[in-house]
Amino acid sequence: MNDDRRLLLAVLLCLGIYAGWSWMLASRRHALPAPPPAPVAAAPAPPKPSAPAAPPAAVVPVEPGRASPAAPERFTTLDTPELHLVFSSRGGTLAHAVLQNPQYRRRVDGHDLPIDLVRGPGAEGHDLETTLAGASFGQVDGLADYEPVAQVGGKAVVFRRTVGGAVIEKRYEAVAPYQLALTVSISGATAQGLSIGYAGQQPPKAAAGPGGFLSHFVRSYPNVATAVCRVDGQSKSSASDKDEQVTLPAAPKLGAVQFGGLDERFFVVAIAPQGDRQGSCTLSSTKSGDVRAELQLPFVAGAPLARTFGIFLGPKDLDLLQRASILPGHHEDAEMGSAVGFGFWTALCVPMLRVMQFFDRWIPNWGVAILVLTVLMKLLLWPLTHAQYRSMEKMKALQPKMNELKKKHGEDKERLNLEMMKLYSEAKVNPLGGCLPMILQLPIWWALYRLLGTTIQLYREPFIAGWINDLTAPDPYYILPLSMGATMLVTQLLAPQMADGAQQKLMMWMMPLMMTFFFLNLPAGLNLYIVASNLLSIVQQAWVRARTQPPGTPPTGRVAAAGA
C-alpha cells in the first residue's frame, strides 16, 4: 500500500466518523417547546383538529369529534412525593403531570422550569382520553363531561358519567413511585371495547436549527417527542415530521399490547393494560407536529366490563421502569425497561451504567464515575492496545530501512509497495495498526453517548460545580473538546512516521481538528471520557517506548521530528 492509498484510507476513516456522528445527532432533531411554569386551569377546549386512528375490527369504530360539554371544566388534584397531578372533568382525563423532584427541571433562557409530562395539544384536549362504544349507549367521546365524585384518602380520584342507563367510572390511584393504576368500568350496559390514548405536540422542525454546517454550533439538545408502542415484544416509535399512521399488529389481527405512550428523551409515559391484553396499538403523527399513541382493546364476551391499566409517568430509570412493568397485585410484565432505548448497544450500555452506579454510591459524583469507567475500560483493552503500541515501536525501528527502500525504488511505486509489505511481514508489524486503539474505543463512545442522551441518572449531574454543571449538556467553555483535540494530537505525534513531510503534517492535524469540531457540542460526559482515555493512552505509549527502546537509543518518530 503506497502513501497515497494510506492517505485516502485515513481520509475515508475521518469521513466515516463524520457521517456516523452526524446521523446520530440528526436522529434527535425535533424538539418540544419549553414546558409551562406551572399547571393552571384551562378554558373550555375548542374542537380537536385531528382524529385518532380507527381501532381494529374487534372494536367498534370510534369517531373522535368533540362534543361541547354541558358543564364548565373542573379540576381535581392528586399529589404524591413524585408528581403533582391535575385531572379534568372533561373526559376524566389528565390535564397536568408535573415532576416534583427539583433536579427534574429544564433550563430555558437561563431559568429552571418544571417539567410537565402532559404534552397534549394544549387547550384542545387532555391525555388519557378514553373513548367507549356500546350498543345501549352508543359512543362516549373521549372529552365528554364526567363528574368528579371522590378523592379517596389523598391517593385516588374517581370520575363518573351516566349515559343511556350505563354508569361509566374512571378511578385513578397512586400505587407506587411515578405509577398510577387506572380502572375503567361500565355497569348497567354492554360494551364492545375502548380506546385510550396519550398525545404530544411540538412545532414541526422546531429544533432542526440552521441546518448543514451551522448546525454543529447549536449547543441545545432537542427534547424529542415520539409516540411509542410495544406489542408482542416488538417496539415501534412514530416519525414526528410527517403524516403517518401505523397499527401494531396490522388490522384485523390482534396482539398482546404491552404498553403505549410518549417518549421524551429522559422521561417517558407508558400505559400498560393488565389482564387480557389482546388488542392493538396505533401510532400517528402529522406534519403539524402532533404525535399520538392509541391503545384499542375489545371487551371479552361474558367477562366483567372493566379494564385496568398501569400508568408510569416519570424518568427513564432502568430499575424503576423494570419494577413498574408489573402493577402491584398483577403479574403481567409490560417490559417498560425497553423504553430506555439502548437498542443495539444494550450489551455495552447496561454494564457501563451498572459500573458507574456502583462507584457513584462510594463517590457521589457521576463525573468521577466516568473517570473510573475510563480506567477500567483501559485495563480491559490493555492486552490489545499494549500489543499494538509495541508493534508501533517496531515500526519506528524500521524507519531507516523504509527510507532506504524509498531511495532505491522511489520511481517504481509498485516495486516499492511490494518491498515495504515484505519488510512489514518479516518484522510482523501492521502498518495500519495505529488506528486500532481508536477503533476499539468507538463502540464505547457510542454506547456512552446513548447513556448520556437517554438515562436519567446523569441528567443535570455536575462534575465540577461552576464549570460542568450537567454531564449530559455540552461543556459551556469548550475546555473538554479542545483538550480532547490536544491530547489526540499528542497521540498522533507519538505514532510512527509513515509518510513524507506534507502527508505527515496533514494526517497529524486533520483527525484531531475534525474530531474537535464534531465534539464541540456533544455531552461533556462523553468528552470527559475521551480526554481521560487519551491521557491514559499517552502514558501507556510512553511506558511502552521506555521499555522497548534499548538504553541510549535516540528518539524516533514524529516527536523527534517535532523537537528537531
Protein backbone atom coordinates (compact mmCIF):
# COMPACT_ATOMS: atom_id res chain seq x y z
CA MET A 1 0.00 0.00 0.00
CA ASN A 2 1.60 3.30 -1.10
CA ASP A 3 1.47 6.64 0.66
CA ASP A 4 -1.38 7.99 -1.47
CA ARG A 5 -3.56 4.99 -0.71
CA ARG A 6 -2.81 5.22 3.01
CA LEU A 7 -3.77 8.89 2.94
CA LEU A 8 -7.01 8.08 1.10
CA LEU A 9 -7.83 5.37 3.66
CA ALA A 10 -7.26 7.79 6.53
CA VAL A 11 -9.45 10.44 4.89
CA LEU A 12 -12.22 7.88 4.34
CA LEU A 13 -11.95 6.89 8.01
CA CYS A 14 -12.41 10.52 9.07
CA LEU A 15 -15.38 10.93 6.74
CA GLY A 16 -16.92 7.73 8.10
CA ILE A 17 -16.68 9.07 11.63
CA TYR A 18 -18.21 12.36 10.47
CA ALA A 19 -21.12 10.63 8.74
CA GLY A 20 -21.82 8.36 11.71
CA TRP A 21 -21.87 11.10 14.32
CA SER A 22 -23.89 13.41 12.07
CA TRP A 23 -26.51 10.71 11.60
CA MET A 24 -26.61 10.08 15.35
CA LEU A 25 -27.21 13.77 16.05
CA ALA A 26 -29.73 14.16 13.22
CA SER A 27 -31.85 11.31 14.64
CA ARG A 28 -32.66 13.60 17.59
CA ARG A 29 -33.56 16.73 15.67
CA HIS A 30 -37.17 17.51 16.56
CA ALA A 31 -37.86 19.28 19.85
CA LEU A 32 -40.71 20.08 22.10
CA PRO A 33 -41.42 23.62 23.24
CA ALA A 34 -40.45 24.58 26.79
CA PRO A 35 -42.87 23.25 29.42
CA PRO A 36 -45.23 25.64 31.19
CA PRO A 37 -44.04 27.08 34.51
CA ALA A 38 -46.92 25.63 36.50
CA PRO A 39 -50.24 23.91 35.81
CA VAL A 40 -53.18 26.26 35.63
CA ALA A 41 -56.84 25.74 34.96
CA ALA A 42 -57.57 25.82 31.25
CA ALA A 43 -60.51 27.40 29.50
CA PRO A 44 -63.10 25.19 27.79
CA ALA A 45 -61.44 23.39 24.90
CA PRO A 46 -62.21 24.06 21.22
CA PRO A 47 -62.65 21.10 18.86
CA LYS A 48 -59.60 18.95 18.33
CA PRO A 49 -58.36 19.16 14.74
CA SER A 50 -57.11 15.64 14.20
CA ALA A 51 -58.67 12.23 14.71
CA PRO A 52 -57.16 9.21 16.43
CA ALA A 53 -56.69 6.10 14.36
CA ALA A 54 -59.52 3.70 13.67
CA PRO A 55 -59.47 0.66 16.01
CA PRO A 56 -59.17 -2.92 14.82
CA ALA A 57 -62.16 -4.89 13.66
CA ALA A 58 -62.84 -6.34 17.11
CA VAL A 59 -63.57 -2.86 18.47
CA VAL A 60 -66.50 -0.68 17.40
CA PRO A 61 -65.08 2.23 15.33
CA VAL A 62 -64.88 5.47 17.25
CA GLU A 63 -65.40 8.92 15.78
CA PRO A 64 -63.28 11.48 17.66
CA GLY A 65 -65.47 14.58 17.26
CA ARG A 66 -65.56 16.67 20.45
CA ALA A 67 -68.97 17.22 21.98
CA SER A 68 -69.47 20.54 23.74
CA PRO A 69 -69.61 19.79 27.46
CA ALA A 70 -72.74 20.84 29.32
CA ALA A 71 -70.77 21.94 32.38
CA PRO A 72 -67.61 24.02 32.70
CA GLU A 73 -64.33 22.17 33.06
CA ARG A 74 -63.44 21.37 36.67
CA PHE A 75 -60.06 20.29 38.01
CA THR A 76 -59.09 17.81 40.73
CA THR A 77 -55.55 17.48 42.06
CA LEU A 78 -53.67 14.47 43.36
CA ASP A 79 -50.22 14.93 44.91
CA THR A 80 -47.60 12.27 45.50
CA PRO A 81 -43.96 12.78 46.56
CA GLU A 82 -43.01 12.40 42.90
CA LEU A 83 -45.85 14.01 40.94
CA HIS A 84 -48.32 16.89 41.05
CA LEU A 85 -51.29 15.60 39.07
CA VAL A 86 -54.22 17.66 37.84
CA PHE A 87 -57.26 15.81 36.45
CA SER A 88 -60.04 17.33 34.37
CA SER A 89 -63.75 16.63 34.44
CA ARG A 90 -63.59 16.76 30.65
CA GLY A 91 -63.28 13.07 29.90
CA GLY A 92 -61.92 12.30 33.38
CA THR A 93 -58.53 12.97 31.80
CA LEU A 94 -55.10 14.13 32.85
CA ALA A 95 -54.51 17.87 32.45
CA HIS A 96 -51.05 18.16 34.07
CA ALA A 97 -48.37 15.82 35.44
CA VAL A 98 -45.59 17.95 36.93
CA LEU A 99 -42.47 16.26 38.29
CA GLN A 100 -41.77 17.21 41.92
CA ASN A 101 -38.04 16.35 42.05
CA PRO A 102 -36.16 19.69 41.89
CA GLN A 103 -33.48 18.08 39.73
CA TYR A 104 -36.04 17.28 37.05
CA ARG A 105 -36.18 20.74 35.52
CA ARG A 106 -35.37 22.15 32.10
CA ARG A 107 -33.04 25.07 31.64
CA VAL A 108 -34.72 27.57 29.31
CA ASP A 109 -33.30 31.07 28.73
CA GLY A 110 -31.37 30.93 31.99
CA HIS A 111 -34.34 29.75 34.07
CA ASP A 112 -35.15 26.34 35.53
CA LEU A 113 -38.71 25.44 34.59
CA PRO A 114 -40.75 22.49 35.89
CA ILE A 115 -41.36 19.55 33.61
CA ASP A 116 -44.96 18.75 32.76
CA LEU A 117 -45.30 15.31 31.19
CA VAL A 118 -48.69 16.20 29.70
CA ARG A 119 -47.75 17.20 26.17
CA GLY A 120 -51.14 17.16 24.53
CA PRO A 121 -52.26 19.91 22.15
CA GLY A 122 -52.66 22.48 24.92
CA ALA A 123 -56.20 23.77 25.38
CA GLU A 124 -57.57 21.44 22.71
CA GLY A 125 -57.65 18.32 24.85
CA HIS A 126 -56.14 16.21 27.61
CA ASP A 127 -54.31 12.92 27.83
CA LEU A 128 -55.65 9.53 28.92
CA GLU A 129 -58.84 10.23 26.95
CA THR A 130 -60.97 7.09 26.98
CA THR A 131 -63.45 6.50 24.19
CA LEU A 132 -66.08 3.79 24.73
CA ALA A 133 -68.56 2.16 22.37
CA GLY A 134 -71.60 0.13 23.38
CA ALA A 135 -74.86 -0.97 21.76
CA SER A 136 -77.02 0.54 24.51
CA PHE A 137 -75.27 3.88 25.00
CA GLY A 138 -73.67 4.39 21.60
CA GLN A 139 -70.38 6.21 21.83
CA VAL A 140 -68.90 8.13 24.75
CA ASP A 141 -66.48 10.70 23.46
CA GLY A 142 -63.02 10.98 24.99
CA LEU A 143 -63.74 14.51 26.25
CA ALA A 144 -67.32 14.01 27.36
CA ASP A 145 -68.14 15.59 30.72
CA TYR A 146 -67.54 13.44 33.80
CA GLU A 147 -68.49 14.19 37.39
CA PRO A 148 -65.66 14.13 39.95
CA VAL A 149 -67.24 12.11 42.74
CA ALA A 150 -64.49 11.28 45.22
CA GLN A 151 -60.95 11.77 46.46
CA VAL A 152 -60.05 8.68 48.44
CA GLY A 153 -57.52 9.23 51.20
CA GLY A 154 -55.40 11.53 49.08
CA LYS A 155 -54.35 8.57 46.93
CA ALA A 156 -57.22 8.14 44.48
CA VAL A 157 -59.52 10.23 42.28
CA VAL A 158 -62.82 8.94 40.87
CA PHE A 159 -64.84 10.28 37.92
CA ARG A 160 -68.29 9.08 36.88
CA ARG A 161 -70.60 9.57 33.91
CA THR A 162 -74.14 8.26 33.38
CA VAL A 163 -75.36 7.83 29.81
CA GLY A 164 -78.13 5.69 28.30
CA GLY A 165 -78.68 3.78 31.54
CA ALA A 166 -74.98 2.91 31.76
CA VAL A 167 -72.65 4.14 34.51
CA ILE A 168 -69.04 4.67 33.43
CA GLU A 169 -66.40 5.13 36.11
CA LYS A 170 -62.72 6.06 35.88
CA ARG A 171 -60.65 5.57 39.02
CA TYR A 172 -57.05 6.77 39.32
CA GLU A 173 -54.97 5.54 42.25
CA ALA A 174 -51.34 6.25 43.15
CA VAL A 175 -49.81 2.81 43.79
CA ALA A 176 -46.03 3.27 43.54
CA PRO A 177 -43.45 5.97 42.76
CA TYR A 178 -44.37 7.59 39.44
CA GLN A 179 -47.08 4.97 38.92
CA LEU A 180 -50.87 5.08 38.81
CA ALA A 181 -53.48 2.37 38.44
CA LEU A 182 -56.40 3.38 36.21
CA THR A 183 -59.56 1.27 36.24
CA VAL A 184 -62.29 1.95 33.67
CA SER A 185 -65.54 0.12 34.47
CA ILE A 186 -69.04 0.02 32.95
CA SER A 187 -72.21 -1.11 34.69
CA GLY A 188 -75.80 -1.35 33.51
CA ALA A 189 -74.93 -1.90 29.85
CA THR A 190 -72.88 -3.91 27.42
CA ALA A 191 -69.87 -2.60 25.51
CA GLN A 192 -67.68 -3.73 22.64
CA GLY A 193 -64.40 -2.09 23.62
CA LEU A 194 -62.49 1.03 24.49
CA SER A 195 -59.67 3.18 23.20
CA ILE A 196 -57.24 5.11 25.40
CA GLY A 197 -54.52 7.42 24.14
CA TYR A 198 -51.64 9.67 25.03
CA ALA A 199 -50.56 12.53 22.79
CA GLY A 200 -47.77 15.04 22.34
CA GLN A 201 -47.43 18.18 20.29
CA GLN A 202 -44.37 20.03 19.07
CA PRO A 203 -43.79 22.66 16.39
CA PRO A 204 -42.50 20.85 13.29
CA LYS A 205 -38.73 21.06 12.89
CA ALA A 206 -38.52 23.31 15.95
CA ALA A 207 -35.01 22.17 16.81
CA ALA A 208 -33.68 21.49 13.34
CA GLY A 209 -31.55 24.62 13.72
CA PRO A 210 -29.91 26.36 10.79
CA GLY A 211 -29.03 23.05 9.20
CA GLY A 212 -25.88 21.98 7.35
CA PHE A 213 -22.52 23.25 8.59
CA LEU A 214 -24.02 25.74 11.07
CA SER A 215 -25.98 23.01 12.89
CA HIS A 216 -22.74 21.95 14.61
CA PHE A 217 -22.74 25.25 16.52
CA VAL A 218 -26.18 24.69 18.08
CA ARG A 219 -25.50 23.89 21.73
CA SER A 220 -29.01 22.95 22.88
CA TYR A 221 -30.26 19.38 22.67
CA PRO A 222 -33.82 18.87 21.46
CA ASN A 223 -36.44 17.34 23.74
CA VAL A 224 -37.80 14.91 21.20
CA ALA A 225 -41.42 13.79 21.48
CA THR A 226 -42.21 10.43 19.92
CA ALA A 227 -45.19 8.17 20.39
CA VAL A 228 -44.20 4.59 21.23
CA CYS A 229 -45.94 1.22 21.20
CA ARG A 230 -44.79 -2.22 22.28
CA VAL A 231 -46.87 -5.16 21.06
CA ASP A 232 -45.89 -8.85 21.09
CA GLY A 233 -42.41 -7.94 22.32
CA GLN A 234 -41.74 -5.56 19.42
CA SER A 235 -41.36 -1.80 19.91
CA LYS A 236 -42.01 0.94 17.37
CA SER A 237 -41.93 4.72 17.60
CA SER A 238 -43.56 7.39 15.49
CA ALA A 239 -41.96 9.69 12.95
CA SER A 240 -42.84 13.19 14.12
CA ASP A 241 -42.25 15.10 10.89
CA LYS A 242 -44.80 13.62 8.51
CA ASP A 243 -48.38 12.40 8.25
CA GLU A 244 -48.18 8.77 9.25
CA GLN A 245 -50.33 6.12 10.89
CA VAL A 246 -49.16 2.63 11.83
CA THR A 247 -51.12 -0.03 13.72
CA LEU A 248 -49.48 -2.94 15.54
CA PRO A 249 -50.37 -5.58 14.63
CA ALA A 250 -51.94 -4.75 11.28
CA ALA A 251 -55.77 -4.99 11.27
CA PRO A 252 -57.68 -7.22 11.60
CA LYS A 253 -55.15 -9.09 13.73
CA LEU A 254 -54.85 -8.59 17.47
CA GLY A 255 -51.73 -8.89 19.58
CA ALA A 256 -50.56 -8.73 23.18
CA VAL A 257 -50.36 -4.98 23.88
CA GLN A 258 -47.64 -4.33 26.46
CA PHE A 259 -47.63 -0.54 26.55
CA GLY A 260 -48.12 2.62 24.54
CA GLY A 261 -47.31 6.22 25.35
CA LEU A 262 -44.95 9.12 24.84
CA ASP A 263 -41.15 9.21 24.88
CA GLU A 264 -39.39 12.48 25.79
CA ARG A 265 -35.66 11.68 25.78
CA PHE A 266 -35.05 11.47 29.57
CA PHE A 267 -38.70 10.87 30.53
CA VAL A 268 -41.47 8.54 29.45
CA VAL A 269 -45.21 7.99 29.85
CA ALA A 270 -46.35 4.39 29.42
CA ILE A 271 -49.89 2.94 29.55
CA ALA A 272 -49.84 -0.81 30.17
CA PRO A 273 -53.11 -2.83 30.06
CA GLN A 274 -53.50 -5.55 32.67
CA GLY A 275 -55.26 -8.90 32.42
CA ASP A 276 -56.37 -9.69 28.88
CA ARG A 277 -54.00 -7.68 26.66
CA GLN A 278 -55.38 -8.70 23.29
CA GLY A 279 -55.81 -5.61 21.15
CA SER A 280 -53.76 -3.22 19.04
CA CYS A 281 -51.80 0.00 19.31
CA THR A 282 -51.83 2.76 16.71
CA LEU A 283 -49.09 5.34 16.27
CA SER A 284 -50.00 8.51 14.43
CA SER A 285 -48.18 11.72 13.58
CA THR A 286 -48.82 14.81 11.49
CA LYS A 287 -46.69 17.38 9.74
CA SER A 288 -48.14 19.98 12.10
CA GLY A 289 -46.28 18.29 14.96
CA ASP A 290 -48.92 16.06 16.60
CA VAL A 291 -47.92 12.58 17.77
CA ARG A 292 -50.20 10.08 19.48
CA ALA A 293 -50.24 6.51 20.76
CA GLU A 294 -53.70 4.93 20.90
CA LEU A 295 -54.49 1.57 22.52
CA GLN A 296 -57.60 -0.23 21.25
CA LEU A 297 -58.86 -3.07 23.45
CA PRO A 298 -62.05 -5.15 22.96
CA PHE A 299 -64.13 -6.42 25.86
CA VAL A 300 -64.33 -10.20 26.02
CA ALA A 301 -67.87 -11.52 25.80
CA GLY A 302 -69.14 -12.63 29.21
CA ALA A 303 -66.25 -11.02 31.10
CA PRO A 304 -66.71 -8.07 33.50
CA LEU A 305 -66.81 -4.72 31.70
CA ALA A 306 -63.73 -3.32 33.40
CA ARG A 307 -60.17 -2.69 32.28
CA THR A 308 -57.20 -1.87 34.48
CA PHE A 309 -54.10 -0.03 33.28
CA GLY A 310 -50.76 0.61 34.89
CA ILE A 311 -49.60 4.15 34.05
CA PHE A 312 -46.00 5.24 34.51
CA LEU A 313 -45.15 8.95 34.33
CA GLY A 314 -41.54 9.61 35.18
CA PRO A 315 -37.83 9.41 34.43
CA LYS A 316 -36.06 6.82 32.32
CA ASP A 317 -34.56 4.98 35.25
CA LEU A 318 -33.96 1.40 34.11
CA ASP A 319 -34.51 -0.14 37.57
CA LEU A 320 -37.60 1.97 38.23
CA LEU A 321 -39.12 1.06 34.87
CA GLN A 322 -38.44 -2.63 35.37
CA ARG A 323 -40.24 -2.53 38.73
CA ALA A 324 -43.12 -0.51 37.27
CA SER A 325 -43.55 -3.07 34.48
CA ILE A 326 -45.63 -5.19 36.84
CA LEU A 327 -48.52 -3.35 38.51
CA PRO A 328 -48.92 -4.21 42.20
CA GLY A 329 -51.41 -7.06 42.54
CA HIS A 330 -50.90 -8.19 38.94
CA HIS A 331 -48.34 -10.37 37.19
CA GLU A 332 -48.19 -9.14 33.58
CA ASP A 333 -44.78 -7.79 32.60
CA ALA A 334 -45.07 -4.74 30.33
CA GLU A 335 -41.28 -4.66 29.65
CA MET A 336 -41.16 -0.90 30.18
CA GLY A 337 -37.39 -1.10 30.50
CA SER A 338 -37.29 -1.26 26.70
CA ALA A 339 -38.41 2.40 26.69
CA VAL A 340 -34.90 3.40 27.76
CA GLY A 341 -33.94 2.70 24.17
CA PHE A 342 -30.37 1.37 24.23
CA GLY A 343 -31.17 -0.76 21.20
CA PHE A 344 -28.17 -2.44 19.63
CA TRP A 345 -25.91 -1.01 22.34
CA THR A 346 -27.72 -2.64 25.28
CA ALA A 347 -24.92 -5.17 25.81
CA LEU A 348 -22.48 -2.29 26.40
CA CYS A 349 -24.77 0.34 27.93
CA VAL A 350 -26.19 -1.72 30.78
CA PRO A 351 -22.81 -2.96 32.17
CA MET A 352 -21.36 0.57 31.83
CA LEU A 353 -24.34 2.02 33.71
CA ARG A 354 -24.03 -0.58 36.47
CA VAL A 355 -20.33 0.11 36.91
CA MET A 356 -20.91 3.86 37.20
CA GLN A 357 -23.82 3.34 39.58
CA PHE A 358 -21.60 1.21 41.82
CA PHE A 359 -18.85 3.81 42.06
CA ASP A 360 -21.33 6.67 42.38
CA ARG A 361 -22.50 5.08 45.63
CA TRP A 362 -18.99 5.38 47.06
CA ILE A 363 -18.02 8.69 45.48
CA PRO A 364 -21.25 10.60 44.78
CA ASN A 365 -20.08 12.32 41.61
CA TRP A 366 -21.01 10.92 38.21
CA GLY A 367 -18.05 12.69 36.60
CA VAL A 368 -15.71 10.72 38.88
CA ALA A 369 -17.69 7.57 37.99
CA ILE A 370 -16.99 8.27 34.30
CA LEU A 371 -13.27 8.62 35.09
CA VAL A 372 -13.28 5.30 36.94
CA LEU A 373 -15.10 3.72 33.99
CA THR A 374 -12.35 5.08 31.71
CA VAL A 375 -9.64 3.42 33.79
CA LEU A 376 -11.50 0.10 33.84
CA MET A 377 -12.05 0.18 30.07
CA LYS A 378 -8.38 0.95 29.56
CA LEU A 379 -7.41 -2.04 31.71
CA LEU A 380 -9.87 -4.26 29.85
CA LEU A 381 -8.40 -3.28 26.47
CA TRP A 382 -4.82 -3.27 27.75
CA PRO A 383 -3.68 -6.56 26.11
CA LEU A 384 -4.80 -5.42 22.65
CA THR A 385 -3.56 -1.85 22.87
CA HIS A 386 -0.28 -2.91 24.53
CA ALA A 387 0.48 -5.30 21.69
CA GLN A 388 -0.37 -2.61 19.16
CA TYR A 389 1.83 0.01 20.80
CA ARG A 390 4.73 -2.47 20.80
CA SER A 391 4.10 -3.02 17.10
CA MET A 392 4.19 0.74 16.55
CA GLU A 393 7.59 0.95 18.26
CA LYS A 394 8.86 -1.81 15.99
CA MET A 395 7.73 0.23 13.00
CA LYS A 396 9.80 3.15 14.24
CA ALA A 397 12.83 0.88 14.29
CA LEU A 398 12.12 0.05 10.64
CA GLN A 399 12.25 3.69 9.63
CA PRO A 400 15.88 3.65 8.32
CA LYS A 401 15.17 0.59 6.18
CA MET A 402 11.99 2.19 4.85
CA ASN A 403 13.94 5.31 3.87
CA GLU A 404 16.48 3.15 2.03
CA LEU A 405 13.69 1.43 0.11
CA LYS A 406 12.23 4.80 -0.88
CA LYS A 407 15.61 5.94 -2.20
CA LYS A 408 16.16 2.68 -4.05
CA HIS A 409 12.68 2.24 -5.56
CA GLY A 410 11.29 5.75 -5.35
CA GLU A 411 10.29 5.88 -9.00
CA ASP A 412 8.89 2.35 -9.14
CA LYS A 413 5.82 2.61 -6.88
CA GLU A 414 4.71 -0.98 -7.46
CA ARG A 415 8.10 -2.42 -6.54
CA LEU A 416 8.35 -0.07 -3.55
CA ASN A 417 4.98 -1.26 -2.23
CA LEU A 418 6.00 -4.91 -2.61
CA GLU A 419 9.28 -4.38 -0.79
CA MET A 420 7.64 -2.43 2.03
CA MET A 421 4.96 -5.08 2.51
CA LYS A 422 7.69 -7.70 2.62
CA LEU A 423 9.51 -5.65 5.25
CA TYR A 424 6.33 -5.35 7.35
CA SER A 425 5.72 -9.08 7.06
CA GLU A 426 9.26 -10.01 8.15
CA ALA A 427 9.04 -7.64 11.12
CA LYS A 428 5.50 -8.86 11.98
CA VAL A 429 4.00 -5.39 12.17
CA ASN A 430 0.73 -3.97 10.86
CA PRO A 431 1.15 -0.61 9.08
CA LEU A 432 -2.49 0.31 9.73
CA GLY A 433 -2.50 -0.79 13.35
CA GLY A 434 -2.15 2.75 14.64
CA CYS A 435 -5.91 3.14 14.12
CA LEU A 436 -6.72 0.10 16.26
CA PRO A 437 -6.75 1.83 19.69
CA MET A 438 -9.28 4.41 18.49
CA ILE A 439 -11.37 1.83 16.61
CA LEU A 440 -11.62 -0.24 19.80
CA GLN A 441 -12.93 2.84 21.62
CA LEU A 442 -15.59 3.79 19.05
CA PRO A 443 -18.27 1.35 20.33
CA ILE A 444 -17.64 2.59 23.89
CA TRP A 445 -18.01 6.22 22.77
CA TRP A 446 -21.28 5.45 21.04
CA ALA A 447 -22.67 3.47 24.00
CA LEU A 448 -21.72 6.26 26.41
CA TYR A 449 -23.40 8.77 24.10
CA ARG A 450 -26.60 6.70 24.28
CA LEU A 451 -26.34 6.62 28.07
CA LEU A 452 -25.86 10.37 28.29
CA GLY A 453 -28.79 11.04 25.98
CA THR A 454 -31.28 8.59 27.48
CA THR A 455 -30.89 7.58 31.12
CA ILE A 456 -31.94 9.90 33.92
CA GLN A 457 -29.01 9.07 36.22
CA LEU A 458 -26.66 11.54 34.52
CA TYR A 459 -29.30 14.17 33.74
CA ARG A 460 -28.19 17.53 35.18
CA GLU A 461 -25.50 15.79 37.24
CA PRO A 462 -22.43 18.03 37.80
CA PHE A 463 -18.76 17.15 37.60
CA ILE A 464 -17.16 20.36 38.90
CA ALA A 465 -19.66 22.99 40.04
CA GLY A 466 -19.35 26.24 38.14
CA TRP A 467 -17.79 24.50 35.16
CA ILE A 468 -19.57 21.24 34.26
CA ASN A 469 -23.00 21.51 35.88
CA ASP A 470 -24.65 18.95 33.59
CA LEU A 471 -22.76 15.98 32.16
CA THR A 472 -25.47 15.47 29.53
CA ALA A 473 -25.02 19.02 28.14
CA PRO A 474 -22.04 20.45 26.19
CA ASP A 475 -19.07 21.95 28.03
CA PRO A 476 -20.06 25.65 28.30
CA TYR A 477 -16.43 26.81 28.00
CA TYR A 478 -15.24 24.27 25.37
CA ILE A 479 -12.42 23.17 27.67
CA LEU A 480 -13.04 19.44 27.31
CA PRO A 481 -13.45 19.26 23.49
CA LEU A 482 -10.35 21.41 22.99
CA SER A 483 -8.44 19.22 25.46
CA MET A 484 -9.65 16.18 23.56
CA GLY A 485 -8.22 17.58 20.33
CA ALA A 486 -4.91 18.47 22.00
CA THR A 487 -4.46 15.04 23.58
CA MET A 488 -5.41 13.35 20.32
CA LEU A 489 -2.72 15.41 18.58
CA VAL A 490 -0.15 14.19 21.12
CA THR A 491 -1.09 10.58 20.40
CA GLN A 492 -0.60 11.34 16.71
CA LEU A 493 2.84 12.73 17.44
CA LEU A 494 3.75 9.55 19.30
CA ALA A 495 2.69 7.35 16.37
CA PRO A 496 5.35 6.16 13.87
CA GLN A 497 6.10 8.30 10.81
CA MET A 498 4.66 6.52 7.78
CA ALA A 499 4.52 9.24 5.10
CA ASP A 500 6.51 12.11 3.65
CA GLY A 501 6.57 15.54 5.28
CA ALA A 502 3.43 17.02 3.66
CA GLN A 503 1.32 13.92 4.15
CA GLN A 504 2.58 13.50 7.71
CA LYS A 505 1.53 17.03 8.68
CA LEU A 506 -1.85 16.63 7.00
CA MET A 507 -2.61 13.38 8.82
CA MET A 508 -1.20 14.62 12.11
CA TRP A 509 -3.51 17.66 12.20
CA MET A 510 -6.57 16.59 10.24
CA MET A 511 -8.00 13.97 12.60
CA PRO A 512 -7.65 15.99 15.85
CA LEU A 513 -9.12 19.08 14.19
CA MET A 514 -12.06 17.19 12.73
CA MET A 515 -12.79 15.35 15.97
CA THR A 516 -12.58 18.58 17.99
CA PHE A 517 -15.08 20.22 15.67
CA PHE A 518 -17.50 17.29 15.80
CA PHE A 519 -17.32 17.03 19.60
CA LEU A 520 -17.69 20.74 20.43
CA ASN A 521 -21.39 20.37 21.17
CA LEU A 522 -21.59 16.76 22.33
CA PRO A 523 -22.23 15.97 26.03
CA ALA A 524 -19.50 16.97 28.45
CA GLY A 525 -19.54 13.47 29.95
CA LEU A 526 -18.50 11.95 26.61
CA ASN A 527 -15.70 14.48 26.13
CA LEU A 528 -14.53 13.82 29.70
CA TYR A 529 -14.25 10.11 28.96
CA ILE A 530 -12.27 10.66 25.74
CA VAL A 531 -9.87 13.18 27.31
CA ALA A 532 -9.14 10.80 30.20
CA SER A 533 -8.75 7.88 27.79
CA ASN A 534 -6.31 9.88 25.61
CA LEU A 535 -4.23 10.83 28.64
CA LEU A 536 -4.01 7.19 29.70
CA SER A 537 -3.04 6.25 26.13
CA ILE A 538 -0.23 8.81 26.16
CA VAL A 539 1.08 7.39 29.43
CA GLN A 540 0.83 3.86 28.06
CA GLN A 541 2.64 4.79 24.83
CA ALA A 542 5.45 6.50 26.76
CA TRP A 543 5.77 3.49 29.07
CA VAL A 544 5.92 1.03 26.13
CA ARG A 545 8.52 3.23 24.42
CA ALA A 546 10.69 3.34 27.54
CA ARG A 547 10.59 -0.46 27.89
CA THR A 548 11.07 -1.18 24.18
CA GLN A 549 13.96 1.04 23.17
CA PRO A 550 17.46 -0.03 24.26
CA PRO A 551 19.30 2.40 26.58
CA GLY A 552 20.93 5.26 24.71
CA THR A 553 18.74 4.89 21.62
CA PRO A 554 18.00 8.33 20.11
CA PRO A 555 14.29 9.26 19.91
CA THR A 556 12.48 8.42 16.67
CA GLY A 557 9.16 9.18 15.09
CA ARG A 558 7.14 12.35 14.97
CA VAL A 559 8.04 13.54 18.47
CA ALA A 560 11.68 13.52 17.50
CA ALA A 561 10.90 15.29 14.25
CA ALA A 562 8.83 17.87 16.08
CA GLY A 563 11.61 18.55 18.57
CA ALA A 564 14.37 18.75 15.98
